[in-house]
C-alpha atoms as a PDB file:
ATOM      1  CA  UNK A   1      -7.880  -1.082 -23.208  1.00  0.00           C
ATOM      2  CA  UNK A   2      -5.224   0.785 -21.239  1.00  0.00           C
ATOM      3  CA  UNK A   3      -5.549  -0.562 -17.703  1.00  0.00           C
ATOM      4  CA  UNK A   4      -5.378  -3.847 -15.828  1.00  0.00           C
ATOM      5  CA  UNK A   5      -7.162  -3.783 -12.482  1.00  0.00           C
ATOM      6  CA  UNK A   6      -5.555  -6.229 -10.042  1.00  0.00           C
ATOM      7  CA  UNK A   7      -7.774  -7.386  -7.179  1.00  0.00           C
ATOM      8  CA  UNK A   8      -6.038  -9.424  -4.471  1.00  0.00           C
ATOM      9  CA  UNK A   9      -8.291 -11.617  -2.380  1.00  0.00           C
ATOM     10  CA  UNK A  10      -7.926 -13.999   0.535  1.00  0.00           C
ATOM     11  CA  UNK A  11     -11.064 -15.457   2.058  1.00  0.00           C
ATOM     12  CA  UNK A  12     -13.034 -12.695   0.365  1.00  0.00           C
ATOM     13  CA  UNK A  13     -16.274 -14.573  -0.176  1.00  0.00           C
ATOM     14  CA  UNK A  14     -18.329 -12.111   1.891  1.00  0.00           C
ATOM     15  CA  UNK A  15     -17.362  -8.988  -0.038  1.00  0.00           C
ATOM     16  CA  UNK A  16     -15.588  -9.661  -3.346  1.00  0.00           C
ATOM     17  CA  UNK A  17     -18.797  -9.852  -5.386  1.00  0.00           C
ATOM     18  CA  UNK A  18     -19.535  -6.182  -4.637  1.00  0.00           C
ATOM     19  CA  UNK A  19     -16.028  -5.303  -5.826  1.00  0.00           C
ATOM     20  CA  UNK A  20     -16.331  -7.284  -9.064  1.00  0.00           C
ATOM     21  CA  UNK A  21     -19.808  -5.936  -9.800  1.00  0.00           C
ATOM     22  CA  UNK A  22     -18.500  -2.406  -9.368  1.00  0.00           C
ATOM     23  CA  UNK A  23     -15.677  -3.130 -11.808  1.00  0.00           C
ATOM     24  CA  UNK A  24     -18.178  -4.420 -14.380  1.00  0.00           C
ATOM     25  CA  UNK A  25     -19.954  -1.063 -14.130  1.00  0.00           C
ATOM     26  CA  UNK A  26     -16.836   1.007 -14.946  1.00  0.00           C
ATOM     27  CA  UNK A  27     -17.194   3.375 -17.879  1.00  0.00           C
ATOM     28  CA  UNK A  28     -13.716   2.599 -19.261  1.00  0.00           C
ATOM     29  CA  UNK A  29     -12.702  -0.713 -20.836  1.00  0.00           C
ATOM     30  CA  UNK A  30     -10.172  -2.622 -18.773  1.00  0.00           C
ATOM     31  CA  UNK A  31      -8.852  -6.038 -17.870  1.00  0.00           C
ATOM     32  CA  UNK A  32      -9.696  -7.426 -14.427  1.00  0.00           C
ATOM     33  CA  UNK A  33      -7.188  -9.863 -12.921  1.00  0.00           C
ATOM     34  CA  UNK A  34      -8.046 -11.422  -9.557  1.00  0.00           C
ATOM     35  CA  UNK A  35      -5.187 -12.855  -7.485  1.00  0.00           C
ATOM     36  CA  UNK A  36      -6.528 -15.579  -5.202  1.00  0.00           C
ATOM     37  CA  UNK A  37      -4.171 -16.022  -2.252  1.00  0.00           C
ATOM     38  CA  UNK A  38      -5.049 -19.707  -1.740  1.00  0.00           C
ATOM     39  CA  UNK A  39      -8.485 -18.917  -0.290  1.00  0.00           C
ATOM     40  CA  UNK A  40     -10.150 -21.822   1.506  1.00  0.00           C
ATOM     41  CA  UNK A  41     -13.571 -20.310   2.189  1.00  0.00           C
ATOM     42  CA  UNK A  42     -15.246 -20.936  -1.157  1.00  0.00           C
ATOM     43  CA  UNK A  43     -14.072 -17.674  -2.747  1.00  0.00           C
ATOM     44  CA  UNK A  44     -12.912 -19.613  -5.832  1.00  0.00           C
ATOM     45  CA  UNK A  45     -16.526 -20.563  -6.581  1.00  0.00           C
ATOM     46  CA  UNK A  46     -17.368 -16.874  -7.079  1.00  0.00           C
ATOM     47  CA  UNK A  47     -14.546 -16.301  -9.578  1.00  0.00           C
ATOM     48  CA  UNK A  48     -15.693 -18.488 -12.433  1.00  0.00           C
ATOM     49  CA  UNK A  49     -16.461 -15.582 -14.762  1.00  0.00           C
ATOM     50  CA  UNK A  50     -13.269 -13.584 -14.210  1.00  0.00           C
ATOM     51  CA  UNK A  51      -9.587 -14.070 -15.010  1.00  0.00           C
ATOM     52  CA  UNK A  52      -7.833 -15.503 -11.951  1.00  0.00           C
ATOM     53  CA  UNK A  53      -4.208 -15.970 -10.951  1.00  0.00           C
ATOM     54  CA  UNK A  54      -4.342 -18.655  -8.259  1.00  0.00           C
ATOM     55  CA  UNK A  55      -1.417 -18.848  -5.847  1.00  0.00           C
ATOM     56  CA  UNK A  56      -0.426 -21.977  -3.968  1.00  0.00           C
ATOM     57  CA  UNK A  57      -0.108 -20.120  -0.662  1.00  0.00           C
ATOM     58  CA  UNK A  58      -1.093 -16.809   0.855  1.00  0.00           C
ATOM     59  CA  UNK A  59       1.546 -14.234  -0.155  1.00  0.00           C
ATOM     60  CA  UNK A  60      -0.347 -11.307   1.349  1.00  0.00           C
ATOM     61  CA  UNK A  61      -1.446  -8.164  -0.449  1.00  0.00           C
ATOM     62  CA  UNK A  62       2.090  -7.120  -1.402  1.00  0.00           C
ATOM     63  CA  UNK A  63       2.991 -10.592  -2.619  1.00  0.00           C
ATOM     64  CA  UNK A  64      -0.227 -10.880  -4.591  1.00  0.00           C
ATOM     65  CA  UNK A  65       0.256  -7.550  -6.361  1.00  0.00           C
ATOM     66  CA  UNK A  66       3.888  -8.416  -7.072  1.00  0.00           C
ATOM     67  CA  UNK A  67       2.902 -11.749  -8.597  1.00  0.00           C
ATOM     68  CA  UNK A  68       0.240 -10.100 -10.770  1.00  0.00           C
ATOM     69  CA  UNK A  69       2.450  -7.327 -12.153  1.00  0.00           C
ATOM     70  CA  UNK A  70       4.507  -9.935 -14.018  1.00  0.00           C
ATOM     71  CA  UNK A  71       1.346 -10.767 -15.996  1.00  0.00           C
ATOM     72  CA  UNK A  72       0.378  -7.173 -16.856  1.00  0.00           C
ATOM     73  CA  UNK A  73       0.943  -5.863 -20.375  1.00  0.00           C
ATOM     74  CA  UNK A  74      -1.206  -2.725 -20.289  1.00  0.00           C
ATOM     75  CA  UNK A  75      -0.004   0.871 -19.954  1.00  0.00           C
ATOM     76  CA  UNK A  76      -1.519   1.234 -16.484  1.00  0.00           C
ATOM     77  CA  UNK A  77      -2.016  -1.134 -13.572  1.00  0.00           C
ATOM     78  CA  UNK A  78      -4.500  -0.522 -10.773  1.00  0.00           C
ATOM     79  CA  UNK A  79      -4.335  -2.034  -7.295  1.00  0.00           C
ATOM     80  CA  UNK A  80      -7.744  -2.588  -5.736  1.00  0.00           C
ATOM     81  CA  UNK A  81      -8.684  -4.178  -2.417  1.00  0.00           C
ATOM     82  CA  UNK A  82     -11.302  -6.912  -2.618  1.00  0.00           C
ATOM     83  CA  UNK A  83     -13.387  -5.032  -0.015  1.00  0.00           C
ATOM     84  CA  UNK A  84     -13.476  -1.872  -2.144  1.00  0.00           C
ATOM     85  CA  UNK A  85     -16.316  -0.972  -4.537  1.00  0.00           C
ATOM     86  CA  UNK A  86     -15.412   1.850  -6.933  1.00  0.00           C
ATOM     87  CA  UNK A  87     -17.957   4.229  -8.416  1.00  0.00           C
ATOM     88  CA  UNK A  88     -18.548   3.846 -12.196  1.00  0.00           C
ATOM     89  CA  UNK A  89     -16.265   6.752 -13.122  1.00  0.00           C
ATOM     90  CA  UNK A  90     -13.390   5.658 -10.864  1.00  0.00           C
ATOM     91  CA  UNK A  91     -11.037   4.177 -13.447  1.00  0.00           C
ATOM     92  CA  UNK A  92     -11.728   6.904 -15.984  1.00  0.00           C
ATOM     93  CA  UNK A  93     -10.906   9.592 -13.420  1.00  0.00           C
ATOM     94  CA  UNK A  94      -7.595   7.904 -12.592  1.00  0.00           C
ATOM     95  CA  UNK A  95      -6.612   7.497 -16.258  1.00  0.00           C
ATOM     96  CA  UNK A  96      -7.513  11.137 -16.927  1.00  0.00           C
ATOM     97  CA  UNK A  97      -5.425  12.245 -13.935  1.00  0.00           C
ATOM     98  CA  UNK A  98      -2.328  10.514 -15.310  1.00  0.00           C
ATOM     99  CA  UNK A  99      -3.006  11.775 -18.827  1.00  0.00           C
ATOM    100  CA  UNK A 100      -3.200  15.309 -17.421  1.00  0.00           C
ATOM    101  CA  UNK A 101       0.091  14.954 -15.525  1.00  0.00           C
ATOM    102  CA  UNK A 102       2.720  13.332 -17.777  1.00  0.00           C
ATOM    103  CA  UNK A 103       5.305  13.519 -14.982  1.00  0.00           C
ATOM    104  CA  UNK A 104       3.109  11.591 -12.566  1.00  0.00           C
ATOM    105  CA  UNK A 105       3.621   7.865 -12.107  1.00  0.00           C
ATOM    106  CA  UNK A 106       0.607   7.236  -9.861  1.00  0.00           C
ATOM    107  CA  UNK A 107      -2.831   8.674  -9.148  1.00  0.00           C
ATOM    108  CA  UNK A 108      -4.461   8.171  -5.762  1.00  0.00           C
ATOM    109  CA  UNK A 109      -8.161   7.579  -5.169  1.00  0.00           C
ATOM    110  CA  UNK A 110     -10.575   8.918  -2.584  1.00  0.00           C
ATOM    111  CA  UNK A 111     -11.503   6.056  -0.263  1.00  0.00           C
ATOM    112  CA  UNK A 112     -14.773   6.429   1.615  1.00  0.00           C
ATOM    113  CA  UNK A 113     -16.322   4.525   4.491  1.00  0.00           C
ATOM    114  CA  UNK A 114     -19.604   2.709   3.757  1.00  0.00           C
ATOM    115  CA  UNK A 115     -21.329   5.712   5.365  1.00  0.00           C
ATOM    116  CA  UNK A 116     -19.569   8.133   2.993  1.00  0.00           C
ATOM    117  CA  UNK A 117     -16.944   9.669   5.290  1.00  0.00           C
ATOM    118  CA  UNK A 118     -13.474  10.199   3.837  1.00  0.00           C
ATOM    119  CA  UNK A 119     -10.951   7.510   4.842  1.00  0.00           C
ATOM    120  CA  UNK A 120      -8.093   8.551   2.592  1.00  0.00           C
ATOM    121  CA  UNK A 121      -7.350  10.863  -0.301  1.00  0.00           C
ATOM    122  CA  UNK A 122      -3.680   9.882  -0.255  1.00  0.00           C
ATOM    123  CA  UNK A 123      -0.806   9.436   2.169  1.00  0.00           C
ATOM    124  CA  UNK A 124       1.401  11.977   3.945  1.00  0.00           C
ATOM    125  CA  UNK A 125       4.805  11.339   5.486  1.00  0.00           C
ATOM    126  CA  UNK A 126       4.977  12.122   9.212  1.00  0.00           C
ATOM    127  CA  UNK A 127       7.965  13.647  10.988  1.00  0.00           C
ATOM    128  CA  UNK A 128       8.980  10.196  12.279  1.00  0.00           C
ATOM    129  CA  UNK A 129       8.529   8.405   8.974  1.00  0.00           C
ATOM    130  CA  UNK A 130       5.076   6.891   9.252  1.00  0.00           C
ATOM    131  CA  UNK A 131       2.776   6.869   6.260  1.00  0.00           C
ATOM    132  CA  UNK A 132      -0.514   8.414   7.414  1.00  0.00           C
ATOM    133  CA  UNK A 133      -3.786   8.691   5.528  1.00  0.00           C
ATOM    134  CA  UNK A 134      -4.948  12.180   4.577  1.00  0.00           C
ATOM    135  CA  UNK A 135      -8.626  12.187   5.530  1.00  0.00           C
ATOM    136  CA  UNK A 136      -9.626  15.396   3.760  1.00  0.00           C
ATOM    137  CA  UNK A 137      -9.451  16.869   0.264  1.00  0.00           C
ATOM    138  CA  UNK A 138      -5.877  17.824  -0.584  1.00  0.00           C
ATOM    139  CA  UNK A 139      -4.080  19.324  -3.546  1.00  0.00           C
ATOM    140  CA  UNK A 140      -0.897  17.405  -2.684  1.00  0.00           C
ATOM    141  CA  UNK A 141      -0.090  13.892  -1.510  1.00  0.00           C
ATOM    142  CA  UNK A 142       3.224  12.237  -0.744  1.00  0.00           C
ATOM    143  CA  UNK A 143       1.878   8.822  -1.649  1.00  0.00           C
ATOM    144  CA  UNK A 144      -1.252   6.782  -2.188  1.00  0.00           C
ATOM    145  CA  UNK A 145      -3.364   4.290  -0.314  1.00  0.00           C
ATOM    146  CA  UNK A 146      -2.690   0.945  -1.958  1.00  0.00           C
ATOM    147  CA  UNK A 147      -6.330  -0.055  -1.579  1.00  0.00           C
ATOM    148  CA  UNK A 148      -7.218   1.849  -4.775  1.00  0.00           C
ATOM    149  CA  UNK A 149      -4.565   3.401  -7.013  1.00  0.00           C
ATOM    150  CA  UNK A 150      -3.498   3.548 -10.666  1.00  0.00           C
ATOM    151  CA  UNK A 151       0.181   3.420 -11.667  1.00  0.00           C
ATOM    152  CA  UNK A 152       2.168   3.495 -14.894  1.00  0.00           C
ATOM    153  CA  UNK A 153       3.224  -0.123 -15.340  1.00  0.00           C
ATOM    154  CA  UNK A 154       6.623   0.533 -16.894  1.00  0.00           C
ATOM    155  CA  UNK A 155       7.586   3.035 -14.188  1.00  0.00           C
ATOM    156  CA  UNK A 156       6.522   0.650 -11.425  1.00  0.00           C
ATOM    157  CA  UNK A 157       8.826  -1.979 -12.892  1.00  0.00           C
ATOM    158  CA  UNK A 158      11.668   0.517 -13.334  1.00  0.00           C
ATOM    159  CA  UNK A 159      11.678   1.416  -9.629  1.00  0.00           C
ATOM    160  CA  UNK A 160      11.748  -2.219  -8.525  1.00  0.00           C
ATOM    161  CA  UNK A 161       8.109  -3.241  -8.470  1.00  0.00           C
ATOM    162  CA  UNK A 162       6.231  -4.098  -5.286  1.00  0.00           C
ATOM    163  CA  UNK A 163       8.073  -5.233  -2.103  1.00  0.00           C
ATOM    164  CA  UNK A 164       6.579  -8.739  -1.941  1.00  0.00           C
ATOM    165  CA  UNK A 165       8.439  -9.527   1.307  1.00  0.00           C
ATOM    166  CA  UNK A 166       6.366  -6.887   3.135  1.00  0.00           C
ATOM    167  CA  UNK A 167       3.377  -9.280   2.872  1.00  0.00           C
ATOM    168  CA  UNK A 168       0.908  -6.594   3.972  1.00  0.00           C
ATOM    169  CA  UNK A 169       1.041  -2.875   4.864  1.00  0.00           C
ATOM    170  CA  UNK A 170       3.500  -0.159   3.821  1.00  0.00           C
ATOM    171  CA  UNK A 171       3.976  -1.677   0.365  1.00  0.00           C
ATOM    172  CA  UNK A 172       2.178   1.431  -0.912  1.00  0.00           C
ATOM    173  CA  UNK A 173       4.246   4.027   1.002  1.00  0.00           C
ATOM    174  CA  UNK A 174       7.470   2.190   0.162  1.00  0.00           C
ATOM    175  CA  UNK A 175       6.520   2.255  -3.522  1.00  0.00           C
ATOM    176  CA  UNK A 176       5.657   5.955  -3.288  1.00  0.00           C
ATOM    177  CA  UNK A 177       9.066   6.637  -1.718  1.00  0.00           C
ATOM    178  CA  UNK A 178      10.863   4.890  -4.591  1.00  0.00           C
ATOM    179  CA  UNK A 179       8.797   6.692  -7.208  1.00  0.00           C
ATOM    180  CA  UNK A 180       9.705  10.044  -5.691  1.00  0.00           C
ATOM    181  CA  UNK A 181      13.360   9.077  -5.280  1.00  0.00           C
ATOM    182  CA  UNK A 182      13.374   8.494  -9.029  1.00  0.00           C
ATOM    183  CA  UNK A 183      11.879  11.905  -9.758  1.00  0.00           C
ATOM    184  CA  UNK A 184       8.255  10.908 -10.368  1.00  0.00           C
ATOM    185  CA  UNK A 185       5.164  12.708  -9.089  1.00  0.00           C
ATOM    186  CA  UNK A 186       2.035  11.290  -7.464  1.00  0.00           C
ATOM    187  CA  UNK A 187      -1.247  13.128  -7.934  1.00  0.00           C
ATOM    188  CA  UNK A 188      -4.645  12.919  -6.235  1.00  0.00           C
ATOM    189  CA  UNK A 189      -7.681  12.168  -8.385  1.00  0.00           C
ATOM    190  CA  UNK A 190     -10.514  13.652  -6.354  1.00  0.00           C
ATOM    191  CA  UNK A 191     -13.312  12.294  -8.546  1.00  0.00           C
ATOM    192  CA  UNK A 192     -11.989   8.694  -8.391  1.00  0.00           C
ATOM    193  CA  UNK A 193     -14.113   7.494  -5.494  1.00  0.00           C
ATOM    194  CA  UNK A 194     -14.311   4.107  -3.812  1.00  0.00           C
ATOM    195  CA  UNK A 195     -16.409   2.699  -0.952  1.00  0.00           C
ATOM    196  CA  UNK A 196     -14.100   0.713   1.284  1.00  0.00           C
ATOM    197  CA  UNK A 197     -14.875  -1.624   4.172  1.00  0.00           C
ATOM    198  CA  UNK A 198     -11.243  -1.413   5.457  1.00  0.00           C
ATOM    199  CA  UNK A 199      -9.560  -4.319   7.162  1.00  0.00           C
ATOM    200  CA  UNK A 200     -12.088  -6.952   6.129  1.00  0.00           C
ATOM    201  CA  UNK A 201      -9.301  -9.539   5.813  1.00  0.00           C
ATOM    202  CA  UNK A 202      -6.493  -8.270   8.057  1.00  0.00           C
ATOM    203  CA  UNK A 203      -8.026  -7.610  11.498  1.00  0.00           C
ATOM    204  CA  UNK A 204      -6.690  -4.123  12.382  1.00  0.00           C
ATOM    205  CA  UNK A 205      -5.247  -4.150  15.893  1.00  0.00           C
ATOM    206  CA  UNK A 206      -4.255  -7.828  15.742  1.00  0.00           C
ATOM    207  CA  UNK A 207      -0.784  -9.255  16.391  1.00  0.00           C
ATOM    208  CA  UNK A 208      -0.023  -9.569  12.668  1.00  0.00           C
ATOM    209  CA  UNK A 209      -1.355  -6.082  11.958  1.00  0.00           C
ATOM    210  CA  UNK A 210       1.128  -4.524  14.397  1.00  0.00           C
ATOM    211  CA  UNK A 211       3.950  -6.856  13.370  1.00  0.00           C
ATOM    212  CA  UNK A 212       3.628  -5.976   9.688  1.00  0.00           C
ATOM    213  CA  UNK A 213       3.178  -2.250  10.333  1.00  0.00           C
ATOM    214  CA  UNK A 214       6.144  -1.869  12.668  1.00  0.00           C
ATOM    215  CA  UNK A 215       8.478  -4.124  10.668  1.00  0.00           C
ATOM    216  CA  UNK A 216       7.637  -2.701   7.263  1.00  0.00           C
ATOM    217  CA  UNK A 217       7.922   0.926   8.365  1.00  0.00           C
ATOM    218  CA  UNK A 218      11.456   0.270   9.576  1.00  0.00           C
ATOM    219  CA  UNK A 219      12.398  -1.668   6.443  1.00  0.00           C
ATOM    220  CA  UNK A 220      10.996   1.138   4.288  1.00  0.00           C
ATOM    221  CA  UNK A 221      12.989   3.799   6.133  1.00  0.00           C
ATOM    222  CA  UNK A 222      16.181   1.762   6.068  1.00  0.00           C
ATOM    223  CA  UNK A 223      16.110   1.558   2.295  1.00  0.00           C
ATOM    224  CA  UNK A 224      14.448   4.858   1.343  1.00  0.00           C
ATOM    225  CA  UNK A 225      14.986   7.530   4.021  1.00  0.00           C
ATOM    226  CA  UNK A 226      18.189   9.449   4.774  1.00  0.00           C
ATOM    227  CA  UNK A 227      20.608   7.248   6.726  1.00  0.00           C
ATOM    228  CA  UNK A 228      20.432   9.445   9.832  1.00  0.00           C
ATOM    229  CA  UNK A 229      16.629   9.291   9.888  1.00  0.00           C
ATOM    230  CA  UNK A 230      16.536   5.515   9.435  1.00  0.00           C
ATOM    231  CA  UNK A 231      19.199   4.942  12.098  1.00  0.00           C
ATOM    232  CA  UNK A 232      17.421   7.248  14.547  1.00  0.00           C
ATOM    233  CA  UNK A 233      14.066   5.507  14.111  1.00  0.00           C
ATOM    234  CA  UNK A 234      15.596   2.036  14.433  1.00  0.00           C
ATOM    235  CA  UNK A 235      17.507   3.082  17.558  1.00  0.00           C
ATOM    236  CA  UNK A 236      14.372   4.660  19.043  1.00  0.00           C
ATOM    237  CA  UNK A 237      12.378   1.475  18.435  1.00  0.00           C
ATOM    238  CA  UNK A 238      15.110  -0.702  19.956  1.00  0.00           C
ATOM    239  CA  UNK A 239      15.574   1.577  22.969  1.00  0.00           C
ATOM    240  CA  UNK A 240      11.875   1.606  23.805  1.00  0.00           C
ATOM    241  CA  UNK A 241      11.806  -2.179  23.460  1.00  0.00           C
ATOM    242  CA  UNK A 242      14.708  -2.449  25.921  1.00  0.00           C
ATOM    243  CA  UNK A 243      13.127  -0.255  28.624  1.00  0.00           C
ATOM    244  CA  UNK A 244       9.584  -1.629  28.436  1.00  0.00           C
ATOM    245  CA  UNK A 245      10.330  -4.555  30.812  1.00  0.00           C
ATOM    246  CA  UNK A 246      11.598  -2.038  33.400  1.00  0.00           C
ATOM    247  CA  UNK A 247       8.383  -0.058  33.495  1.00  0.00           C
ATOM    248  CA  UNK A 248       5.923  -0.748  36.283  1.00  0.00           C
ATOM    249  CA  UNK A 249       3.093  -0.187  33.840  1.00  0.00           C
ATOM    250  CA  UNK A 250       3.012  -0.171  30.077  1.00  0.00           C
ATOM    251  CA  UNK A 251       0.390   0.511  27.390  1.00  0.00           C
ATOM    252  CA  UNK A 252      -1.954  -2.369  26.618  1.00  0.00           C
ATOM    253  CA  UNK A 253      -1.675  -2.019  22.831  1.00  0.00           C
ATOM    254  CA  UNK A 254      -0.028  -4.985  21.151  1.00  0.00           C
ATOM    255  CA  UNK A 255       2.584  -2.797  19.479  1.00  0.00           C
ATOM    256  CA  UNK A 256       4.045  -2.301  22.981  1.00  0.00           C
ATOM    257  CA  UNK A 257       4.394  -6.048  23.515  1.00  0.00           C
ATOM    258  CA  UNK A 258       8.078  -6.812  24.134  1.00  0.00           C
ATOM    259  CA  UNK A 259       7.727 -10.164  22.401  1.00  0.00           C
ATOM    260  CA  UNK A 260       6.210  -8.565  19.314  1.00  0.00           C
ATOM    261  CA  UNK A 261       8.859  -5.831  19.212  1.00  0.00           C
ATOM    262  CA  UNK A 262      11.681  -8.353  19.513  1.00  0.00           C
ATOM    263  CA  UNK A 263      10.102 -10.272  16.659  1.00  0.00           C
ATOM    264  CA  UNK A 264      10.035  -7.053  14.606  1.00  0.00           C
ATOM    265  CA  UNK A 265      13.721  -6.374  15.257  1.00  0.00           C
ATOM    266  CA  UNK A 266      14.636  -9.942  14.381  1.00  0.00           C
ATOM    267  CA  UNK A 267      12.736  -9.868  11.101  1.00  0.00           C
ATOM    268  CA  UNK A 268      14.216  -6.482  10.178  1.00  0.00           C
ATOM    269  CA  UNK A 269      17.727  -7.896  10.652  1.00  0.00           C
ATOM    270  CA  UNK A 270      16.865 -10.973   8.561  1.00  0.00           C
ATOM    271  CA  UNK A 271      15.209  -9.072   5.706  1.00  0.00           C
ATOM    272  CA  UNK A 272      17.512  -6.047   5.635  1.00  0.00           C
ATOM    273  CA  UNK A 273      20.284  -7.608   3.503  1.00  0.00           C
ATOM    274  CA  UNK A 274      17.770  -8.095   0.682  1.00  0.00           C
ATOM    275  CA  UNK A 275      16.495  -4.508   0.867  1.00  0.00           C
ATOM    276  CA  UNK A 276      18.735  -2.551  -1.486  1.00  0.00           C
ATOM    277  CA  UNK A 277      19.048   1.161  -0.710  1.00  0.00           C
ATOM    278  CA  UNK A 278      16.993   3.264  -3.109  1.00  0.00           C
ATOM    279  CA  UNK A 279      18.047   6.589  -4.610  1.00  0.00           C
ATOM    280  CA  UNK A 280      21.115   8.694  -3.908  1.00  0.00           C
ATOM    281  CA  UNK A 281      21.894  10.196  -0.504  1.00  0.00           C
ATOM    282  CA  UNK A 282      21.192  13.675  -1.843  1.00  0.00           C
ATOM    283  CA  UNK A 283      17.859  12.626  -3.302  1.00  0.00           C
ATOM    284  CA  UNK A 284      16.791  10.880  -0.087  1.00  0.00           C
ATOM    285  CA  UNK A 285      17.556  14.038   1.882  1.00  0.00           C
ATOM    286  CA  UNK A 286      15.669  16.193  -0.620  1.00  0.00           C
ATOM    287  CA  UNK A 287      12.530  14.035  -0.550  1.00  0.00           C
ATOM    288  CA  UNK A 288      12.585  13.898   3.244  1.00  0.00           C
ATOM    289  CA  UNK A 289      13.039  17.677   3.543  1.00  0.00           C
ATOM    290  CA  UNK A 290      10.169  18.304   1.120  1.00  0.00           C
ATOM    291  CA  UNK A 291       7.602  15.882   2.511  1.00  0.00           C
ATOM    292  CA  UNK A 292       8.268  14.794   6.099  1.00  0.00           C
ATOM    293  CA  UNK A 293       5.956  16.413   8.615  1.00  0.00           C
ATOM    294  CA  UNK A 294       3.847  18.240   6.030  1.00  0.00           C
ATOM    295  CA  UNK A 295       0.155  18.688   6.763  1.00  0.00           C
ATOM    296  CA  UNK A 296      -2.534  19.944   4.427  1.00  0.00           C
END
């Protein structure tokens, strides 16, 4: 047994059984570890036949993965959303991808909608530092979607593990940044396929969704990107926040809410002292020059 598959759940009663059944059908032996983020919807009743790490409060996806990694002793660790159902050959394809690329620290999956359309084959880095899903087959990826990925456990620990304080969103792109800053590759595994409901627990478009996305992108850039890039993006965010009240009209999307944006800036200032800069200046510039703005 070479892999531990970590499934983080919170109020996952409606969909986690499909995930666990799909893991039972995998053609490679593995350990399944479910992290229950203090669910209060009866999810615990469905987890009687699986190993569970129960948390006293909801630490989010990032916090749940971080808590689980301390209990992993296998060569590989997989992150899997509780609303994702992998095909039987999923884990084998990911293990084979890492075996075939000794310099790679992570292998990304192909996430599909329930109807079979491609959601993500990996993550690219945009010109302004966002992590964006690649929704087509690609030979190269900057990073991986954290909803279904396999990583080398020792390398993940070496680069600092998972940013638990992110709670949710961008923990995957931040981890990919730190892997690349330490000279590791990330490869796509095109035959590792997963059906994914997407956002079953996090309400895309909600206040928290935008708060976590905006805050975590800035925190990620401030510790991983070249200093000039991080400063420019922070200044741009702050400047737009300052002028929004002066506009006669403004977009309706919650990420243009002045209150939300002020909350983002406040949380960035609070959390920044604990976010140690990753990599050398030269390495940050090299990774940015290689990957930012690339399309495939």
